C-alpha atoms as a PDB file:
ATOM      1  CA  MET A   1      79.819  81.807 104.139  1.00  0.00           C
ATOM      2  CA  VAL A   2      82.682  83.356 105.758  1.00  0.00           C
ATOM      3  CA  GLU A   3      85.211  82.668 103.135  1.00  0.00           C
ATOM      4  CA  ALA A   4      82.664  84.451 100.276  1.00  0.00           C
ATOM      5  CA  PHE A   5      82.191  87.256 102.588  1.00  0.00           C
ATOM      6  CA  VAL A   6      85.903  87.700 103.042  1.00  0.00           C
ATOM      7  CA  PHE A   7      86.657  87.611  99.594  1.00  0.00           C
ATOM      8  CA  GLU A   8      84.001  89.870  98.436  1.00  0.00           C
ATOM      9  CA  THR A   9      85.163  92.525 101.076  1.00  0.00           C
ATOM     10  CA  PHE A  10      88.639  91.840  99.286  1.00  0.00           C
ATOM     11  CA  PHE A  11      87.443  92.443  95.711  1.00  0.00           C
ATOM     12  CA  PHE A  12      85.733  95.897  96.941  1.00  0.00           C
ATOM     13  CA  PHE A  13      89.125  96.837  98.722  1.00  0.00           C
ATOM     14  CA  PHE A  14      91.842  95.635  96.617  1.00  0.00           C
ATOM     15  CA  PRO A  15      92.033  98.660  93.989  1.00  0.00           C
ATOM     16  CA  ALA A  16      92.381 100.836  97.202  1.00  0.00           C
ATOM     17  CA  TRP A  17      94.705  98.909  98.631  1.00  0.00           C
ATOM     18  CA  ILE A  18      96.895  98.234  95.659  1.00  0.00           C
ATOM     19  CA  THR A  19      96.469 102.184  94.911  1.00  0.00           C
ATOM     20  CA  ASN A  20      97.654 102.981  98.601  1.00  0.00           C
ATOM     21  CA  MET A  21     100.807 100.336  98.184  1.00  0.00           C
ATOM     22  CA  LEU A  22     101.820 101.725  94.763  1.00  0.00           C
ATOM     23  CA  PHE A  23     102.147 104.875  96.308  1.00  0.00           C
ATOM     24  CA  VAL A  24     104.987 103.965  98.201  1.00  0.00           C
ATOM     25  CA  ILE A  25     106.616 101.838  95.234  1.00  0.00           C
ATOM     26  CA  VAL A  26     106.333 104.395  92.685  1.00  0.00           C
ATOM     27  CA  GLY A  27     107.607 107.032  95.029  1.00  0.00           C
ATOM     28  CA  ALA A  28     110.845 104.968  96.037  1.00  0.00           C
ATOM     29  CA  LEU A  29     111.253 104.261  92.286  1.00  0.00           C
ATOM     30  CA  ALA A  30     111.109 107.936  91.306  1.00  0.00           C
ATOM     31  CA  SER A  31     113.633 108.618  93.914  1.00  0.00           C
ATOM     32  CA  ALA A  32     115.671 106.214  93.061  1.00  0.00           C
ATOM     33  CA  LEU A  33     115.393 107.343  89.642  1.00  0.00           C
ATOM     34  CA  ARG A  34     115.910 111.372  90.553  1.00  0.00           C
ATOM     35  CA  VAL A  35     112.735 111.700  88.951  1.00  0.00           C
ATOM     36  CA  PRO A  36     111.700 115.751  89.613  1.00  0.00           C
ATOM     37  CA  ASP A  37     108.846 116.068  91.937  1.00  0.00           C
ATOM     38  CA  VAL A  38     105.912 118.493  91.539  1.00  0.00           C
ATOM     39  CA  PRO A  39     104.197 118.956  94.668  1.00  0.00           C
ATOM     40  CA  ILE A  40     100.102 118.412  94.462  1.00  0.00           C
ATOM     41  CA  ASP A  41      99.525 121.671  95.568  1.00  0.00           C
ATOM     42  CA  PHE A  42     102.245 123.529  93.803  1.00  0.00           C
ATOM     43  CA  SER A  43     103.836 124.934  97.103  1.00  0.00           C
ATOM     44  CA  LYS A  44     100.807 126.709  97.701  1.00  0.00           C
ATOM     45  CA  ASN A  45      99.624 127.792 101.323  1.00  0.00           C
ATOM     46  CA  PHE A  46      96.142 127.161 102.729  1.00  0.00           C
ATOM     47  CA  PHE A  47      94.495 130.832 104.363  1.00  0.00           C
ATOM     48  CA  ASP A  48      96.260 129.696 107.656  1.00  0.00           C
ATOM     49  CA  GLY A  49      99.964 130.240 106.084  1.00  0.00           C
ATOM     50  CA  ARG A  50     100.445 126.409 106.376  1.00  0.00           C
ATOM     51  CA  ARG A  51     101.223 124.259 102.996  1.00  0.00           C
ATOM     52  CA  LEU A  52      97.956 122.606 101.635  1.00  0.00           C
ATOM     53  CA  LEU A  53      99.621 118.994 101.711  1.00  0.00           C
ATOM     54  CA  GLY A  54     103.356 119.480 101.797  1.00  0.00           C
ATOM     55  CA  ASP A  55     106.142 118.345  99.769  1.00  0.00           C
ATOM     56  CA  ASN A  56     105.722 114.721  99.985  1.00  0.00           C
ATOM     57  CA  ARG A  57     102.742 114.456  97.757  1.00  0.00           C
ATOM     58  CA  ASN A  58     103.751 115.061  93.962  1.00  0.00           C
ATOM     59  CA  VAL A  59     102.187 114.939  90.959  1.00  0.00           C
ATOM     60  CA  GLY A  60     103.820 112.197  88.982  1.00  0.00           C
ATOM     61  CA  VAL A  61     104.078 109.793  91.296  1.00  0.00           C
ATOM     62  CA  ALA A  62     100.028 110.513  92.036  1.00  0.00           C
ATOM     63  CA  CYS A  63      99.522 110.011  88.730  1.00  0.00           C
ATOM     64  CA  VAL A  64     101.341 106.840  87.563  1.00  0.00           C
ATOM     65  CA  GLY A  65     100.237 105.178  91.151  1.00  0.00           C
ATOM     66  CA  LEU A  66      96.369 106.046  90.627  1.00  0.00           C
ATOM     67  CA  ILE A  67      96.386 104.800  86.752  1.00  0.00           C
ATOM     68  CA  ILE A  68      98.461 101.257  87.876  1.00  0.00           C
ATOM     69  CA  GLY A  69      95.944 101.433  90.664  1.00  0.00           C
ATOM     70  CA  ILE A  70      93.167 101.731  88.868  1.00  0.00           C
ATOM     71  CA  ALA A  71      94.200  99.072  86.009  1.00  0.00           C
ATOM     72  CA  ALA A  72      95.393  96.183  88.564  1.00  0.00           C
ATOM     73  CA  GLY A  73      92.233  96.801  90.162  1.00  0.00           C
ATOM     74  CA  TYR A  74      90.479  96.538  86.828  1.00  0.00           C
ATOM     75  CA  LEU A  75      92.301  93.069  85.988  1.00  0.00           C
ATOM     76  CA  VAL A  76      92.031  91.568  89.291  1.00  0.00           C
ATOM     77  CA  VAL A  77      88.277  92.519  90.331  1.00  0.00           C
ATOM     78  CA  GLY A  78      86.880  93.207  86.512  1.00  0.00           C
ATOM     79  CA  ASP A  79      84.988  95.847  87.619  1.00  0.00           C
ATOM     80  CA  PHE A  80      85.563  99.466  86.661  1.00  0.00           C
ATOM     81  CA  SER A  81      83.521 101.244  88.992  1.00  0.00           C
ATOM     82  CA  VAL A  82      85.002  99.249  91.842  1.00  0.00           C
ATOM     83  CA  SER A  83      88.428 100.045  90.390  1.00  0.00           C
ATOM     84  CA  ILE A  84      87.602 103.683  89.810  1.00  0.00           C
ATOM     85  CA  PHE A  85      86.246 104.269  93.215  1.00  0.00           C
ATOM     86  CA  GLY A  86      88.266 102.178  95.140  1.00  0.00           C
ATOM     87  CA  ALA A  87      91.715 103.364  93.663  1.00  0.00           C
ATOM     88  CA  GLY A  88      90.135 107.009  93.668  1.00  0.00           C
ATOM     89  CA  GLY A  89      89.019 106.678  97.476  1.00  0.00           C
ATOM     90  CA  ALA A  90      92.825 105.412  98.230  1.00  0.00           C
ATOM     91  CA  PHE A  91      94.168 108.825  96.143  1.00  0.00           C
ATOM     92  CA  LEU A  92      91.692 111.060  97.949  1.00  0.00           C
ATOM     93  CA  GLY A  93      91.765 109.858 101.505  1.00  0.00           C
ATOM     94  CA  HIS A  94      95.543 108.948 101.878  1.00  0.00           C
ATOM     95  CA  THR A  95      97.284 111.667  99.520  1.00  0.00           C
ATOM     96  CA  LEU A  96      94.776 114.730  99.777  1.00  0.00           C
ATOM     97  CA  LEU A  97      92.683 114.182 102.522  1.00  0.00           C
ATOM     98  CA  GLY A  98      94.973 112.757 105.143  1.00  0.00           C
ATOM     99  CA  SER A  99      97.675 115.275 104.049  1.00  0.00           C
ATOM    100  CA  PHE A 100      95.583 118.250 104.456  1.00  0.00           C
ATOM    101  CA  VAL A 101      94.493 117.201 107.884  1.00  0.00           C
ATOM    102  CA  LYS A 102      98.244 116.786 109.260  1.00  0.00           C
ATOM    103  CA  ARG A 103      99.037 120.243 107.806  1.00  0.00           C
ATOM    104  CA  ARG A 104      96.098 122.078 109.403  1.00  0.00           C
ATOM    105  CA  LEU A 105      97.131 120.490 112.638  1.00  0.00           C
ATOM    106  CA  GLY A 106     100.635 121.931 112.353  1.00  0.00           C
ATOM    107  CA  LEU A 107     102.071 118.144 111.798  1.00  0.00           C
ATOM    108  CA  PRO A 108     105.200 117.883 109.795  1.00  0.00           C
ATOM    109  CA  SER A 109     105.345 115.649 106.431  1.00  0.00           C
ATOM    110  CA  GLY A 110     105.652 111.937 107.628  1.00  0.00           C
ATOM    111  CA  TYR A 111     104.720 112.398 111.311  1.00  0.00           C
ATOM    112  CA  LYS A 112     103.236 109.710 112.725  1.00  0.00           C
ATOM    113  CA  PHE A 113      99.320 109.826 113.468  1.00  0.00           C
ATOM    114  CA  PRO A 114      98.430 106.397 114.079  1.00  0.00           C
ATOM    115  CA  LEU A 115      94.442 106.384 113.604  1.00  0.00           C
ATOM    116  CA  LEU A 116      94.638 108.458 110.485  1.00  0.00           C
ATOM    117  CA  ASP A 117      97.859 106.756 108.957  1.00  0.00           C
ATOM    118  CA  ARG A 118      95.794 103.133 108.935  1.00  0.00           C
ATOM    119  CA  ILE A 119      92.443 104.186 107.692  1.00  0.00           C
ATOM    120  CA  ASP A 120      92.634 107.255 105.536  1.00  0.00           C
ATOM    121  CA  ALA A 121      92.533 105.159 102.453  1.00  0.00           C
ATOM    122  CA  THR A 122      90.415 102.858 103.434  1.00  0.00           C
ATOM    123  CA  ALA A 123      87.777 104.875 104.876  1.00  0.00           C
ATOM    124  CA  CYS A 124      87.722 107.090 101.683  1.00  0.00           C
ATOM    125  CA  ALA A 125      87.480 104.092  99.381  1.00  0.00           C
ATOM    126  CA  ALA A 126      85.012 102.720 101.749  1.00  0.00           C
ATOM    127  CA  ILE A 127      82.517 106.033 101.100  1.00  0.00           C
ATOM    128  CA  LEU A 128      83.258 106.128  97.483  1.00  0.00           C
ATOM    129  CA  LEU A 129      82.487 102.229  96.630  1.00  0.00           C
ATOM    130  CA  PHE A 130      79.358 102.441  99.454  1.00  0.00           C
ATOM    131  CA  LEU A 131      77.791 105.327  97.690  1.00  0.00           C
ATOM    132  CA  PHE A 132      78.806 104.577  93.931  1.00  0.00           C
ATOM    133  CA  ALA A 133      79.401 101.094  93.476  1.00  0.00           C
ATOM    134  CA  ASP A 134      77.016  99.383  95.420  1.00  0.00           C
ATOM    135  CA  MET A 135      79.359  98.099  98.514  1.00  0.00           C
ATOM    136  CA  PRO A 136      77.450  96.550 101.001  1.00  0.00           C
ATOM    137  CA  LEU A 137      77.899  98.351 104.514  1.00  0.00           C
ATOM    138  CA  ARG A 138      78.971  95.368 105.966  1.00  0.00           C
ATOM    139  CA  HIS A 139      81.749  95.322 103.990  1.00  0.00           C
ATOM    140  CA  ALA A 140      82.927  98.813 104.673  1.00  0.00           C
ATOM    141  CA  ILE A 141      83.273  97.917 108.213  1.00  0.00           C
ATOM    142  CA  PHE A 142      85.267  94.917 107.812  1.00  0.00           C
ATOM    143  CA  GLY A 143      87.752  96.227 105.449  1.00  0.00           C
ATOM    144  CA  ILE A 144      87.910  99.254 107.550  1.00  0.00           C
ATOM    145  CA  ALA A 145      88.826  96.352 110.298  1.00  0.00           C
ATOM    146  CA  LEU A 146      91.027  94.554 108.100  1.00  0.00           C
ATOM    147  CA  ALA A 147      93.027  98.068 107.325  1.00  0.00           C
ATOM    148  CA  LEU A 148      93.442  98.491 111.369  1.00  0.00           C
ATOM    149  CA  THR A 149      94.846  95.283 111.387  1.00  0.00           C
ATOM    150  CA  PHE A 150      97.168  95.023 108.567  1.00  0.00           C
ATOM    151  CA  HIS A 151      98.322  98.573 108.033  1.00  0.00           C
ATOM    152  CA  PRO A 152     101.148  98.257 110.574  1.00  0.00           C
ATOM    153  CA  LEU A 153     102.581  95.087 109.268  1.00  0.00           C
ATOM    154  CA  ILE A 154     102.693  96.456 105.659  1.00  0.00           C
ATOM    155  CA  SER A 155     103.877  99.776 106.773  1.00  0.00           C
ATOM    156  CA  PHE A 156     106.670  97.927 108.691  1.00  0.00           C
ATOM    157  CA  LEU A 157     107.609  95.591 105.894  1.00  0.00           C
ATOM    158  CA  GLY A 158     107.874  98.527 103.166  1.00  0.00           C
ATOM    159  CA  TYR A 159     109.933 100.576 105.946  1.00  0.00           C
ATOM    160  CA  THR A 160     112.548  97.413 106.614  1.00  0.00           C
ATOM    161  CA  LEU A 161     112.527  96.692 102.598  1.00  0.00           C
ATOM    162  CA  LYS A 162     113.547 100.759 102.544  1.00  0.00           C
ATOM    163  CA  MET A 163     110.698 101.793 100.577  1.00  0.00           C
ATOM    164  CA  LYS A 164     109.456 104.207 103.080  1.00  0.00           C
ATOM    165  CA  LYS A 165     111.131 106.540 105.353  1.00  0.00           C
ATOM    166  CA  ASN A 166     108.957 105.802 108.399  1.00  0.00           C
ATOM    167  CA  PRO A 167     107.632 102.505 109.869  1.00  0.00           C
ATOM    168  CA  TRP A 168     104.117 103.799 110.193  1.00  0.00           C
END
């Protein structure tokens, strides 16, 4: 029973988690290959005079990470709605919402914001999966708890492997 619950939670969140990790991997590869960056916000400012998202969020990495995340999610879970809303939630949460909130608070790109950095992708994926992919609420809560637990460890591993600029 417990194993089935954990597996079902993994089933729902795999596309979000793999997409979130792919942004780091694709970003590191793009940087190593010197792929030109086009910021998602096209370097535009919000009405408060601050950038919408910042330079660390670019179109190429987002598109490639999102496409590969949806495809990988579909290959593993076999459910397109789970893949699209999971990967889309990760993209909305981590790439857009998290960066937008940090810029509104006046925080620079890459600045450590522990709670937001750990659950932005998973929380947005949980909301979309709950609303559009019939994910039970108990899986949403457990998935967020897993993200709070494992995100710091995985982020530190990415930093150690020189795939991330910061260990968070």
